[in-house]
N, C-alpha and C. Protein backbone atom coordinates (compact mmCIF):
# COMPACT_ATOMS: atom_id res chain seq x y z
N ALA A 1 -6.01 -2.03 -29.19
CA ALA A 1 -4.48 -3.07 -28.86
C ALA A 1 -4.96 -4.31 -28.25
N VAL A 2 -3.98 -5.25 -28.94
CA VAL A 2 -4.62 -6.86 -28.41
C VAL A 2 -3.03 -6.54 -27.09
N VAL A 3 -3.58 -7.05 -26.12
CA VAL A 3 -2.54 -7.25 -25.06
C VAL A 3 -2.89 -8.63 -24.06
N SER A 4 -2.05 -8.93 -23.02
CA SER A 4 -2.17 -10.12 -22.53
C SER A 4 -1.50 -9.47 -20.90
N THR A 5 -2.05 -10.21 -20.33
CA THR A 5 -1.57 -10.49 -19.03
C THR A 5 -1.72 -11.55 -17.71
N GLN A 6 -1.16 -11.62 -16.79
CA GLN A 6 -1.41 -12.55 -16.34
C GLN A 6 -1.10 -12.35 -14.76
N SER A 7 -2.27 -12.60 -13.99
CA SER A 7 -1.97 -12.55 -12.26
C SER A 7 -1.52 -13.84 -11.89
N THR A 8 -0.57 -13.75 -10.66
CA THR A 8 -0.22 -14.84 -10.14
C THR A 8 0.20 -14.64 -8.54
N GLY A 9 0.45 -15.63 -7.95
CA GLY A 9 0.71 -15.65 -6.88
C GLY A 9 -0.57 -14.70 -5.48
N GLY A 10 -0.19 -15.47 -4.47
CA GLY A 10 -0.78 -14.52 -3.35
C GLY A 10 -2.25 -14.96 -3.09
N ASP A 11 -3.10 -14.36 -2.18
CA ASP A 11 -4.14 -14.41 -1.53
C ASP A 11 -5.09 -14.64 -3.32
N GLY A 12 -5.25 -15.65 -3.86
CA GLY A 12 -6.39 -16.17 -4.81
C GLY A 12 -7.85 -15.57 -4.55
N ASP A 13 -7.90 -15.79 -3.12
CA ASP A 13 -9.76 -15.71 -2.99
C ASP A 13 -9.86 -13.97 -2.64
N VAL A 14 -8.92 -13.25 -2.45
CA VAL A 14 -8.98 -11.96 -2.54
C VAL A 14 -8.72 -11.43 -3.85
N MET A 15 -7.56 -11.87 -4.43
CA MET A 15 -7.51 -11.59 -5.81
C MET A 15 -8.63 -11.43 -7.28
N MET A 16 -9.40 -12.72 -6.75
CA MET A 16 -10.61 -13.20 -7.80
C MET A 16 -11.30 -11.75 -7.60
N ARG A 17 -11.42 -11.51 -6.48
CA ARG A 17 -13.16 -10.42 -6.12
C ARG A 17 -12.90 -9.16 -6.93
N PHE A 18 -11.47 -8.96 -7.60
CA PHE A 18 -10.77 -8.06 -8.10
C PHE A 18 -10.56 -7.80 -9.79
N SER A 19 -10.70 -9.12 -10.22
CA SER A 19 -10.39 -9.16 -11.02
C SER A 19 -9.12 -8.52 -12.08
N PRO A 20 -7.88 -8.29 -11.22
CA PRO A 20 -6.90 -7.72 -11.58
C PRO A 20 -6.15 -7.77 -13.01
N SER A 21 -6.17 -9.01 -13.33
CA SER A 21 -6.05 -9.47 -15.07
C SER A 21 -7.08 -8.53 -16.05
N PHE A 22 -8.21 -8.71 -15.42
CA PHE A 22 -9.06 -7.86 -16.62
C PHE A 22 -8.71 -6.47 -16.45
N LEU A 23 -8.66 -6.24 -15.19
CA LEU A 23 -8.39 -4.43 -14.99
C LEU A 23 -6.95 -3.93 -15.73
N ALA A 24 -6.00 -4.72 -15.42
CA ALA A 24 -4.71 -4.35 -16.14
C ALA A 24 -4.82 -4.09 -17.81
N VAL A 25 -5.64 -5.34 -18.22
CA VAL A 25 -5.60 -5.20 -19.69
C VAL A 25 -6.49 -4.20 -20.32
N GLU A 26 -7.64 -4.10 -19.48
CA GLU A 26 -8.23 -2.65 -19.78
C GLU A 26 -7.39 -1.39 -19.46
N LEU A 27 -6.55 -1.11 -18.56
CA LEU A 27 -5.91 0.01 -18.69
C LEU A 27 -4.76 -0.04 -19.50
N MET A 28 -4.29 -1.15 -20.16
CA MET A 28 -3.52 -0.85 -21.33
C MET A 28 -3.90 -0.58 -22.62
N ARG A 29 -4.93 -1.03 -22.60
CA ARG A 29 -6.08 -0.64 -23.83
C ARG A 29 -5.95 0.92 -23.57
N GLY A 30 -6.10 1.36 -22.76
CA GLY A 30 -6.39 2.74 -22.26
C GLY A 30 -4.99 3.45 -22.46
N GLY A 31 -4.07 2.85 -22.55
CA GLY A 31 -2.98 3.51 -22.63
C GLY A 31 -1.89 3.67 -21.55
N ALA A 32 -2.21 2.74 -20.36
CA ALA A 32 -1.16 2.35 -19.48
C ALA A 32 0.01 1.90 -19.93
N THR A 33 1.05 1.67 -19.58
CA THR A 33 2.07 0.38 -19.78
C THR A 33 1.61 -0.56 -18.89
N PRO A 34 2.64 -1.63 -18.82
CA PRO A 34 2.19 -2.87 -18.67
C PRO A 34 2.35 -2.55 -16.64
N HIS A 35 3.56 -2.05 -16.84
CA HIS A 35 3.93 -1.30 -15.22
C HIS A 35 2.72 -0.61 -14.39
N GLU A 36 2.62 0.10 -14.83
CA GLU A 36 1.57 1.47 -14.49
C GLU A 36 0.23 0.14 -14.51
N ALA A 37 -0.40 -0.67 -15.40
CA ALA A 37 -1.61 -1.20 -15.13
C ALA A 37 -1.33 -2.27 -14.25
N SER A 38 -0.26 -2.77 -13.85
CA SER A 38 0.17 -3.66 -12.79
C SER A 38 0.03 -3.14 -11.43
N ALA A 39 0.51 -1.88 -11.58
CA ALA A 39 0.59 -1.29 -10.33
C ALA A 39 -0.52 -0.75 -9.90
N GLU A 40 -1.50 -0.20 -10.90
CA GLU A 40 -3.14 0.04 -10.33
C GLU A 40 -4.02 -1.01 -10.08
N ALA A 41 -4.00 -2.41 -10.71
CA ALA A 41 -4.45 -3.28 -10.20
C ALA A 41 -4.00 -3.70 -8.67
N ILE A 42 -2.91 -3.78 -8.25
CA ILE A 42 -2.68 -4.51 -6.94
C ILE A 42 -2.96 -3.13 -6.06
N HIS A 43 -2.85 -1.72 -6.34
CA HIS A 43 -3.17 -0.61 -5.51
C HIS A 43 -4.80 -0.67 -4.94
N ARG A 44 -5.62 -1.28 -6.14
CA ARG A 44 -6.87 -1.23 -5.72
C ARG A 44 -7.16 -1.89 -4.71
N ILE A 45 -6.33 -3.29 -4.64
CA ILE A 45 -7.03 -4.24 -4.14
C ILE A 45 -6.16 -3.98 -2.58
N ALA A 46 -5.11 -3.60 -2.84
CA ALA A 46 -4.70 -3.17 -1.16
C ALA A 46 -5.14 -1.83 -0.63
N GLN A 47 -6.13 -1.34 -1.08
CA GLN A 47 -6.81 -0.42 -0.37
C GLN A 47 -7.89 -1.13 0.29
N ARG A 48 -8.51 -1.72 -0.07
CA ARG A 48 -9.53 -2.58 0.66
C ARG A 48 -8.86 -3.86 1.33
N TYR A 49 -7.76 -4.46 1.08
CA TYR A 49 -7.03 -5.36 1.82
C TYR A 49 -5.62 -5.22 2.37
N PRO A 50 -5.59 -4.24 2.76
CA PRO A 50 -3.91 -3.57 3.22
C PRO A 50 -3.08 -5.01 3.57
N LYS A 51 -3.68 -5.86 3.97
CA LYS A 51 -2.71 -7.34 4.44
C LYS A 51 -2.34 -8.09 3.50
N PHE A 52 -3.33 -7.89 2.25
CA PHE A 52 -3.05 -9.24 1.13
C PHE A 52 -1.63 -9.32 0.93
N SER A 53 -1.51 -10.65 0.32
CA SER A 53 -0.14 -10.71 -0.77
C SER A 53 -0.79 -11.24 -2.29
N GLY A 54 -0.08 -10.38 -2.92
CA GLY A 54 -0.23 -10.76 -4.40
C GLY A 54 0.49 -10.00 -5.44
N ALA A 55 0.71 -10.40 -6.91
CA ALA A 55 1.28 -9.70 -7.34
C ALA A 55 0.57 -9.73 -9.12
N VAL A 56 0.79 -8.87 -9.87
CA VAL A 56 0.19 -9.19 -11.17
C VAL A 56 1.71 -8.92 -11.86
N VAL A 57 1.81 -9.64 -13.00
CA VAL A 57 2.53 -9.41 -14.32
C VAL A 57 1.90 -9.18 -15.57
N ALA A 58 2.07 -7.89 -16.05
CA ALA A 58 1.53 -7.73 -17.74
C ALA A 58 2.37 -7.42 -18.49
N ALA A 59 1.98 -7.96 -19.79
CA ALA A 59 3.25 -7.79 -20.89
C ALA A 59 2.02 -7.27 -22.04
N SER A 60 2.94 -6.71 -22.98
CA SER A 60 2.33 -6.02 -24.12
C SER A 60 2.32 -6.73 -25.21
N LYS A 61 1.78 -6.63 -26.23
CA LYS A 61 2.05 -7.32 -27.59
C LYS A 61 3.33 -7.03 -28.00
N ASP A 62 3.68 -5.87 -27.82
CA ASP A 62 4.93 -5.86 -28.17
C ASP A 62 6.29 -5.97 -27.46
N GLY A 63 6.23 -7.00 -26.44
CA GLY A 63 7.16 -7.20 -25.60
C GLY A 63 7.31 -6.53 -24.40
N VAL A 64 6.86 -5.49 -23.99
CA VAL A 64 6.97 -4.94 -22.82
C VAL A 64 6.50 -5.05 -21.79
N TYR A 65 7.13 -5.27 -20.62
CA TYR A 65 6.40 -6.24 -19.48
C TYR A 65 6.77 -4.89 -18.31
N GLY A 66 5.72 -5.55 -17.34
CA GLY A 66 5.81 -4.75 -15.72
C GLY A 66 5.01 -5.89 -15.08
N ALA A 67 5.60 -5.21 -13.81
CA ALA A 67 4.51 -6.18 -12.74
C ALA A 67 4.88 -5.28 -11.77
N ALA A 68 3.94 -5.45 -10.43
CA ALA A 68 3.56 -4.95 -9.30
C ALA A 68 3.11 -5.80 -8.17
N CYS A 69 3.74 -5.63 -6.89
CA CYS A 69 3.49 -6.47 -5.68
C CYS A 69 3.07 -6.08 -4.76
N HIS A 70 2.46 -6.44 -3.72
CA HIS A 70 2.30 -6.45 -2.62
C HIS A 70 1.99 -7.51 -1.24
N GLY A 71 2.59 -7.24 -0.20
CA GLY A 71 2.50 -7.79 0.99
C GLY A 71 3.45 -9.16 0.70
N PHE A 72 4.62 -8.96 -0.11
CA PHE A 72 5.78 -9.86 -0.38
C PHE A 72 7.15 -8.74 -0.12
N GLU A 73 8.19 -9.76 0.31
CA GLU A 73 8.94 -8.81 0.50
C GLU A 73 9.69 -8.90 -0.94
N GLN A 74 9.58 -9.48 -1.62
CA GLN A 74 10.00 -9.71 -3.11
C GLN A 74 9.07 -10.71 -4.07
N PHE A 75 9.19 -10.30 -5.16
CA PHE A 75 8.47 -11.62 -5.95
C PHE A 75 9.38 -11.65 -7.13
N VAL A 76 9.41 -12.49 -7.55
CA VAL A 76 10.61 -13.20 -8.85
C VAL A 76 9.43 -13.50 -9.73
N TYR A 77 9.91 -13.38 -11.05
CA TYR A 77 8.99 -13.84 -12.10
C TYR A 77 10.13 -14.23 -13.23
N THR A 78 9.59 -14.96 -14.53
CA THR A 78 10.44 -14.94 -15.24
C THR A 78 10.14 -14.62 -16.76
N VAL A 79 11.03 -14.10 -17.40
CA VAL A 79 10.95 -13.28 -18.92
C VAL A 79 11.61 -13.88 -20.15
N CYS A 80 11.15 -14.42 -21.08
CA CYS A 80 11.47 -15.09 -22.07
C CYS A 80 10.80 -14.73 -23.53
N ASP A 81 11.74 -14.21 -24.24
CA ASP A 81 11.01 -13.80 -25.56
C ASP A 81 11.97 -14.27 -26.80
N LEU A 82 11.51 -14.25 -28.15
CA LEU A 82 12.15 -14.59 -29.33
C LEU A 82 13.73 -14.13 -29.20
N ASN A 83 13.75 -12.90 -29.00
CA ASN A 83 15.15 -12.11 -29.04
C ASN A 83 16.21 -12.45 -27.90
N THR A 84 15.68 -13.29 -27.01
CA THR A 84 16.66 -13.51 -25.75
C THR A 84 16.67 -15.03 -25.89
N PRO A 85 17.89 -15.73 -25.87
CA PRO A 85 18.29 -17.20 -26.15
C PRO A 85 18.13 -17.72 -24.59
N LYS A 86 17.98 -16.82 -23.71
CA LYS A 86 17.23 -17.94 -22.48
C LYS A 86 16.54 -17.05 -21.63
N TYR A 87 16.05 -17.70 -20.81
CA TYR A 87 14.90 -17.05 -20.27
C TYR A 87 15.38 -15.86 -19.01
N ARG A 88 15.23 -14.79 -18.46
CA ARG A 88 15.60 -14.17 -17.58
C ARG A 88 14.52 -13.95 -16.02
N LEU A 89 15.10 -14.02 -15.20
CA LEU A 89 14.52 -14.10 -13.64
C LEU A 89 14.58 -12.64 -13.24
N VAL A 90 13.42 -12.11 -13.17
CA VAL A 90 13.11 -10.44 -12.80
C VAL A 90 12.66 -10.30 -11.27
N LYS A 91 13.56 -9.87 -10.44
CA LYS A 91 13.32 -9.48 -9.11
C LYS A 91 12.62 -8.25 -8.88
N LEU A 92 11.41 -8.63 -8.07
CA LEU A 92 10.78 -7.23 -7.96
C LEU A 92 10.77 -6.83 -6.25
N ASN A 93 10.98 -5.89 -5.73
CA ASN A 93 11.07 -5.41 -4.32
C ASN A 93 9.62 -4.74 -4.20
N CYS A 94 8.96 -5.62 -3.46
CA CYS A 94 7.67 -5.06 -3.21
C CYS A 94 7.53 -4.06 -1.79
N GLY A 95 6.45 -3.16 -1.77
CA GLY A 95 6.63 -2.26 -0.89
C GLY A 95 7.40 -1.32 -1.01
N LYS A 96 8.82 -1.12 -1.73
CA LYS A 96 9.40 -0.24 -2.06
C LYS A 96 9.28 0.31 -3.48
N LYS A 97 9.39 1.55 -4.02
CA LYS A 97 9.14 2.43 -5.07
C LYS A 97 10.58 1.99 -5.81
N SER A 98 10.55 0.81 -6.69
CA SER A 98 11.77 0.54 -7.26
C SER A 98 11.29 -0.21 -8.94
N ASP A 99 12.26 -0.12 -9.60
CA ASP A 99 12.07 -0.84 -10.71
C ASP A 99 12.48 -2.34 -10.71
N ASN A 100 11.98 -3.06 -11.87
CA ASN A 100 12.11 -4.36 -11.96
C ASN A 100 13.70 -4.47 -11.70
N ILE A 101 14.59 -5.81 -11.62
CA ILE A 101 15.81 -5.70 -11.32
C ILE A 101 16.01 -7.06 -12.08
N ASP A 102 16.62 -7.22 -12.89
CA ASP A 102 16.68 -8.41 -13.95
C ASP A 102 17.95 -8.96 -13.10
N ILE A 103 17.91 -10.45 -12.86
CA ILE A 103 18.83 -11.04 -11.92
C ILE A 103 19.16 -12.35 -12.65
């Protein structure tokens, strides 16, 4: 399956050691949802660097998206697709078990 992902924000030097974008894509190829893949990528980094700050946003070729973050109170990202006339800001509460909230 063709998928895409982007990692963004946070401690880039720490994130580069783990290649979370690559990991998220591989997990999605294995059947994980974008949210599950993002959460696992962030979790693996946080296990070794609990004080790091970072986020991963992933999207499937079908337009399903998800994100996970660590070390921030909130992480906000933008979503836009062909079916939406305007972009949407999505707020993710880091450190809490919650879903993405469109704002």
